[in-house]
N, C-alpha and C. Protein backbone atom coordinates (compact mmCIF):
# COMPACT_ATOMS: atom_id res chain seq x y z
N GLN A 1 101.59 69.16 92.29
CA GLN A 1 100.32 69.41 92.97
C GLN A 1 100.65 70.27 94.15
N VAL A 2 99.74 71.34 94.55
CA VAL A 2 100.15 72.20 95.47
C VAL A 2 99.74 71.30 96.89
N GLN A 3 100.50 71.57 97.87
CA GLN A 3 100.08 71.35 99.07
C GLN A 3 99.75 72.29 100.05
N LEU A 4 98.81 72.39 100.92
CA LEU A 4 98.38 73.19 101.53
C LEU A 4 98.49 72.71 103.09
N VAL A 5 99.33 73.40 104.31
CA VAL A 5 99.22 72.89 105.62
C VAL A 5 98.59 74.19 106.43
N GLU A 6 97.35 73.79 107.08
CA GLU A 6 96.95 74.75 108.04
C GLU A 6 97.30 74.60 109.29
N SER A 7 97.40 75.64 110.17
CA SER A 7 97.80 75.55 111.72
C SER A 7 97.02 76.63 112.36
N GLY A 8 96.76 76.64 113.47
CA GLY A 8 96.22 77.57 114.54
C GLY A 8 94.94 77.50 114.98
N GLY A 9 94.38 76.17 114.60
CA GLY A 9 92.98 76.07 115.19
C GLY A 9 93.14 75.90 116.53
N GLY A 10 91.95 75.53 117.11
CA GLY A 10 91.90 75.43 118.66
C GLY A 10 90.35 75.84 119.34
N SER A 11 90.55 75.91 120.57
CA SER A 11 89.15 76.12 121.22
C SER A 11 89.49 77.44 121.73
N VAL A 12 88.43 78.42 121.85
CA VAL A 12 88.36 79.50 122.34
C VAL A 12 86.95 79.95 122.86
N ARG A 13 86.92 81.02 123.76
CA ARG A 13 85.70 81.14 124.16
C ARG A 13 85.12 82.63 123.38
N PRO A 14 83.66 82.73 123.52
CA PRO A 14 83.05 83.53 122.80
C PRO A 14 83.65 85.10 123.04
N GLY A 15 83.90 85.68 121.94
CA GLY A 15 84.50 86.85 122.09
C GLY A 15 86.22 86.93 121.93
N GLY A 16 86.71 85.68 121.84
CA GLY A 16 87.95 85.50 121.69
C GLY A 16 88.65 85.57 120.47
N SER A 17 89.99 85.29 120.31
CA SER A 17 90.67 85.67 118.68
C SER A 17 91.33 84.36 118.60
N LEU A 18 91.56 84.15 117.44
CA LEU A 18 92.46 83.00 117.06
C LEU A 18 93.08 83.52 115.66
N ILE A 19 94.21 83.12 115.40
CA ILE A 19 94.86 83.15 113.93
C ILE A 19 95.19 81.80 113.18
N LEU A 20 94.60 81.67 112.05
CA LEU A 20 95.12 80.59 111.40
C LEU A 20 95.98 80.92 110.33
N SER A 21 96.95 80.07 109.86
CA SER A 21 97.93 80.13 108.91
C SER A 21 97.68 78.91 108.08
N CYS A 22 98.12 79.30 106.81
CA CYS A 22 98.16 78.31 105.93
C CYS A 22 99.43 78.56 104.88
N ILE A 23 100.11 77.31 104.90
CA ILE A 23 101.34 77.54 104.01
C ILE A 23 101.39 76.50 102.84
N ALA A 24 101.63 76.99 101.68
CA ALA A 24 101.53 76.52 100.62
C ALA A 24 103.27 75.66 100.09
N SER A 25 102.88 74.73 99.51
CA SER A 25 104.16 73.81 99.15
C SER A 25 105.22 74.53 98.12
N GLU A 26 104.70 75.45 97.25
CA GLU A 26 105.25 76.15 96.27
C GLU A 26 104.95 77.69 96.23
N LEU A 27 105.71 78.32 95.65
CA LEU A 27 105.31 79.67 95.36
C LEU A 27 104.32 79.86 94.58
N LEU A 28 103.16 80.74 94.99
CA LEU A 28 102.03 80.86 94.30
C LEU A 28 101.92 82.09 93.20
N PHE A 29 101.17 82.16 92.29
CA PHE A 29 101.32 83.34 91.44
C PHE A 29 100.51 84.28 91.81
N SER A 30 100.63 85.74 91.41
CA SER A 30 99.68 86.78 91.80
C SER A 30 98.38 86.39 91.42
N SER A 31 98.23 85.49 90.15
CA SER A 31 96.96 85.60 89.59
C SER A 31 96.37 84.31 90.36
N ASP A 32 96.76 83.54 91.27
CA ASP A 32 96.01 82.64 91.87
C ASP A 32 95.10 83.03 93.10
N VAL A 33 94.23 82.47 93.39
CA VAL A 33 93.36 82.87 94.41
C VAL A 33 93.52 82.01 95.85
N LEU A 34 93.86 82.67 96.87
CA LEU A 34 94.10 82.09 98.03
C LEU A 34 93.03 82.43 99.10
N GLY A 35 92.60 81.42 100.03
CA GLY A 35 91.63 81.68 100.87
C GLY A 35 91.33 80.89 101.79
N TRP A 36 90.05 80.93 102.49
CA TRP A 36 89.61 79.87 103.62
C TRP A 36 87.99 79.80 103.19
N TYR A 37 87.54 78.56 103.26
CA TYR A 37 86.21 78.35 103.51
C TYR A 37 86.08 77.54 104.96
N ARG A 38 84.96 77.21 105.43
CA ARG A 38 84.70 76.50 106.50
C ARG A 38 83.51 75.65 106.51
N GLN A 39 83.40 74.65 107.59
CA GLN A 39 82.30 73.63 107.48
C GLN A 39 82.07 73.47 108.84
N PRO A 40 80.84 74.11 109.38
CA PRO A 40 80.01 73.85 110.58
C PRO A 40 79.91 72.43 110.79
N PRO A 41 79.70 71.80 111.80
CA PRO A 41 79.30 70.47 111.97
C PRO A 41 77.79 70.16 111.39
N GLY A 42 77.64 69.35 110.35
CA GLY A 42 76.43 68.77 109.92
C GLY A 42 76.06 70.04 108.79
N LYS A 43 76.91 70.70 108.31
CA LYS A 43 76.30 71.70 107.40
C LYS A 43 77.28 71.61 106.17
N GLN A 44 77.19 72.57 105.07
CA GLN A 44 77.94 72.41 104.10
C GLN A 44 79.14 73.19 104.17
N ARG A 45 80.02 73.13 103.51
CA ARG A 45 81.46 73.99 103.26
C ARG A 45 81.06 75.38 102.81
N GLY A 46 81.23 76.41 103.46
CA GLY A 46 81.10 77.85 103.00
C GLY A 46 82.17 78.51 102.78
N PHE A 47 82.19 79.74 102.09
CA PHE A 47 83.19 80.53 101.92
C PHE A 47 83.55 81.61 103.05
N VAL A 48 84.56 81.91 103.24
CA VAL A 48 85.04 82.73 104.46
C VAL A 48 85.62 83.98 103.90
N ALA A 49 86.71 83.83 103.28
CA ALA A 49 87.43 85.04 102.87
C ALA A 49 88.54 84.57 101.90
N SER A 50 89.11 85.54 101.01
CA SER A 50 89.94 85.13 100.00
C SER A 50 90.50 86.29 99.48
N PHE A 51 91.88 86.40 98.90
CA PHE A 51 92.50 87.28 98.16
C PHE A 51 92.19 86.85 96.67
N THR A 52 91.89 87.65 96.02
CA THR A 52 91.44 87.58 94.48
C THR A 52 92.93 87.86 93.67
N SER A 53 92.60 88.00 92.63
CA SER A 53 93.81 87.82 91.50
C SER A 53 94.47 89.37 91.49
N THR A 54 93.46 90.25 92.05
CA THR A 54 94.06 91.69 92.03
C THR A 54 94.70 91.94 93.23
N SER A 55 94.62 90.89 94.22
CA SER A 55 95.29 91.01 95.55
C SER A 55 94.37 91.89 96.36
N SER A 56 92.99 91.83 96.25
CA SER A 56 91.93 92.63 96.93
C SER A 56 91.23 91.45 97.75
N SER A 57 90.77 91.90 99.00
CA SER A 57 90.18 90.58 99.66
C SER A 57 88.67 90.62 99.85
N LEU A 58 88.16 89.41 99.64
CA LEU A 58 86.77 89.24 99.94
C LEU A 58 86.34 88.79 101.14
N TYR A 59 85.13 88.76 101.76
CA TYR A 59 84.82 88.23 102.99
C TYR A 59 83.37 87.86 102.81
N ALA A 60 82.91 86.75 103.50
CA ALA A 60 81.48 86.43 103.77
C ALA A 60 81.09 87.50 104.57
N ASP A 61 79.57 87.88 104.44
CA ASP A 61 79.04 88.72 105.39
C ASP A 61 79.08 88.60 106.76
N SER A 62 79.09 87.36 106.89
CA SER A 62 78.96 86.86 108.36
C SER A 62 80.35 87.27 109.21
N VAL A 63 81.24 87.64 108.31
CA VAL A 63 82.70 87.69 109.15
C VAL A 63 83.39 89.16 108.93
N LYS A 64 82.70 89.83 108.05
CA LYS A 64 83.05 91.29 107.74
C LYS A 64 83.23 91.86 108.99
N GLY A 65 84.42 92.87 109.22
CA GLY A 65 84.76 93.46 110.37
C GLY A 65 85.35 92.81 111.51
N ARG A 66 85.21 91.55 111.50
CA ARG A 66 85.61 90.75 112.61
C ARG A 66 86.97 89.85 112.11
N PHE A 67 86.90 89.47 110.89
CA PHE A 67 88.18 88.42 110.33
C PHE A 67 88.84 89.40 109.41
N THR A 68 90.22 89.08 109.19
CA THR A 68 91.19 89.63 108.29
C THR A 68 91.85 88.86 107.51
N ILE A 69 91.88 88.75 106.34
CA ILE A 69 92.90 87.94 105.57
C ILE A 69 94.00 88.49 105.36
N SER A 70 95.33 87.83 105.32
CA SER A 70 96.65 88.53 104.86
C SER A 70 97.47 87.60 104.23
N MET A 71 98.28 87.98 103.33
CA MET A 71 99.21 87.09 102.67
C MET A 71 100.39 87.64 102.52
N ASP A 72 101.64 86.80 102.82
CA ASP A 72 102.88 87.42 102.85
C ASP A 72 103.41 87.58 101.34
N ASN A 73 104.66 88.31 101.35
CA ASN A 73 105.02 88.70 100.08
C ASN A 73 105.57 87.77 99.19
N ALA A 74 105.98 86.76 99.70
CA ALA A 74 106.34 85.35 99.04
C ALA A 74 105.21 84.42 98.23
N LYS A 75 104.16 84.99 98.63
CA LYS A 75 103.11 84.34 98.10
C LYS A 75 102.80 82.65 98.64
N ARG A 76 103.28 82.46 99.69
CA ARG A 76 103.22 81.07 100.15
C ARG A 76 102.33 80.93 101.37
N LYS A 77 101.93 81.88 102.07
CA LYS A 77 101.50 82.10 103.44
C LYS A 77 100.22 82.74 103.32
N VAL A 78 99.16 82.33 103.97
CA VAL A 78 98.02 83.13 104.22
C VAL A 78 97.56 83.03 105.45
N ASP A 79 97.20 83.96 106.13
CA ASP A 79 96.76 84.13 107.45
C ASP A 79 95.24 84.55 107.56
N LEU A 80 94.54 83.95 108.53
CA LEU A 80 93.37 84.63 108.69
C LEU A 80 93.20 85.08 110.42
N GLN A 81 93.12 86.37 110.58
CA GLN A 81 92.95 86.78 111.86
C GLN A 81 91.42 86.66 112.17
N MET A 82 91.11 85.99 113.08
CA MET A 82 89.69 86.09 113.77
C MET A 82 89.58 86.65 114.98
N ASN A 83 88.60 87.71 115.14
CA ASN A 83 88.64 88.45 116.41
C ASN A 83 87.12 88.24 116.39
N SER A 84 86.65 88.60 117.65
CA SER A 84 85.33 88.43 118.20
C SER A 84 84.59 87.30 117.88
N LEU A 85 85.24 86.02 118.32
CA LEU A 85 84.60 84.80 117.67
C LEU A 85 83.20 84.65 118.35
N LYS A 86 82.28 83.83 117.49
CA LYS A 86 81.20 83.67 117.93
C LYS A 86 80.88 82.17 117.91
N PRO A 87 79.72 81.56 118.71
CA PRO A 87 79.55 80.33 118.67
C PRO A 87 79.41 79.53 117.41
N GLU A 88 78.56 80.42 116.43
CA GLU A 88 78.38 80.03 114.93
C GLU A 88 79.70 79.97 114.31
N ASP A 89 80.68 80.61 114.63
CA ASP A 89 82.14 80.43 113.77
C ASP A 89 82.67 79.06 113.74
N ALA A 90 82.25 78.26 114.88
CA ALA A 90 82.98 76.98 115.30
C ALA A 90 82.85 76.23 113.84
N ALA A 91 83.67 75.47 113.55
CA ALA A 91 83.83 74.95 112.01
C ALA A 91 85.23 74.41 111.77
N VAL A 92 85.19 73.34 110.99
CA VAL A 92 86.66 73.05 110.10
C VAL A 92 87.08 73.98 109.28
N TYR A 93 88.30 74.79 109.59
CA TYR A 93 88.26 75.72 108.52
C TYR A 93 89.51 74.96 107.39
N TYR A 94 89.14 75.39 106.23
CA TYR A 94 89.90 74.78 105.17
C TYR A 94 90.83 75.98 104.38
N CYS A 95 91.85 75.79 104.05
CA CYS A 95 92.57 76.79 103.33
C CYS A 95 92.50 76.22 101.90
N TYR A 96 92.37 76.85 100.72
CA TYR A 96 92.35 76.60 99.41
C TYR A 96 93.04 77.58 98.73
N THR A 97 93.56 77.05 97.32
CA THR A 97 94.04 77.86 96.45
C THR A 97 93.52 77.45 94.95
N ARG A 98 92.78 78.44 94.20
CA ARG A 98 92.62 78.28 93.10
C ARG A 98 93.46 78.77 92.13
N ARG A 99 94.14 78.03 91.20
CA ARG A 99 95.13 78.38 90.30
C ARG A 99 94.65 79.03 89.06
N THR A 100 95.25 79.66 88.33
CA THR A 100 94.81 80.03 87.06
C THR A 100 94.35 79.05 86.00
N SER A 101 94.91 77.93 86.22
CA SER A 101 94.55 76.88 85.32
C SER A 101 93.07 76.33 85.77
N GLY A 102 92.40 76.75 87.18
CA GLY A 102 91.05 76.44 87.35
C GLY A 102 91.12 75.19 88.51
N ILE A 103 92.37 74.87 88.47
CA ILE A 103 92.45 73.57 89.61
C ILE A 103 92.29 74.38 90.86
N THR A 104 91.49 73.77 91.60
CA THR A 104 91.42 74.12 93.00
C THR A 104 92.33 73.03 94.09
N TYR A 105 93.08 73.44 94.95
CA TYR A 105 93.80 72.60 95.89
C TYR A 105 92.90 73.24 97.17
N TRP A 106 92.89 72.02 98.36
CA TRP A 106 92.59 72.22 99.52
C TRP A 106 93.61 71.62 100.68
N GLY A 107 93.51 72.26 101.74
CA GLY A 107 94.23 71.79 102.74
C GLY A 107 93.24 70.83 103.65
N GLN A 108 93.88 70.22 104.71
CA GLN A 108 93.11 69.24 105.33
C GLN A 108 92.24 69.50 106.29
N GLY A 109 92.41 70.74 106.75
CA GLY A 109 91.49 71.64 107.56
C GLY A 109 92.04 71.67 109.12
N THR A 110 91.55 72.81 109.68
CA THR A 110 92.06 73.02 111.25
C THR A 110 90.53 73.43 111.81
N GLN A 111 90.61 72.56 113.14
CA GLN A 111 89.18 72.80 113.79
C GLN A 111 89.20 73.86 114.61
N VAL A 112 88.10 74.79 114.67
CA VAL A 112 87.84 75.78 115.57
C VAL A 112 86.81 75.75 116.37
N THR A 113 86.92 75.66 117.70
CA THR A 113 85.67 75.64 118.57
C THR A 113 85.72 76.86 119.53
N VAL A 114 84.29 77.33 119.37
CA VAL A 114 84.29 78.34 120.02
C VAL A 114 82.95 78.12 121.09
N SER A 115 83.27 78.06 122.48
CA SER A 115 82.10 77.82 123.48
C SER A 115 82.65 78.24 124.81
N SER A 116 81.57 78.27 125.73
CA SER A 116 81.93 78.78 126.88
C SER A 116 81.97 77.54 127.85
């Protein structure tokens, strides 16, 4: 079972930046999907960004041009660089990986607060 541990959440003013990191407990395959979801208060969890099996990145429309997802060569760490943060970006951010088996694993989440 893969364990995912997120870090880097915190509080920032609108327009600020944060980097979220997620480390997996084992080496992942290039065919696995790695990425991030988020859950704002009182809302459902929604897709943010991911690396697909072809190592191409996907982004939710709401974060395109502001967020950048990256993964290290060892396939154990994925980062989410978040720039120009808005109050509506405030949420608990969850790292996930979807293995080729179809099983999805989730991290415990890290809180991001955006307020003045």
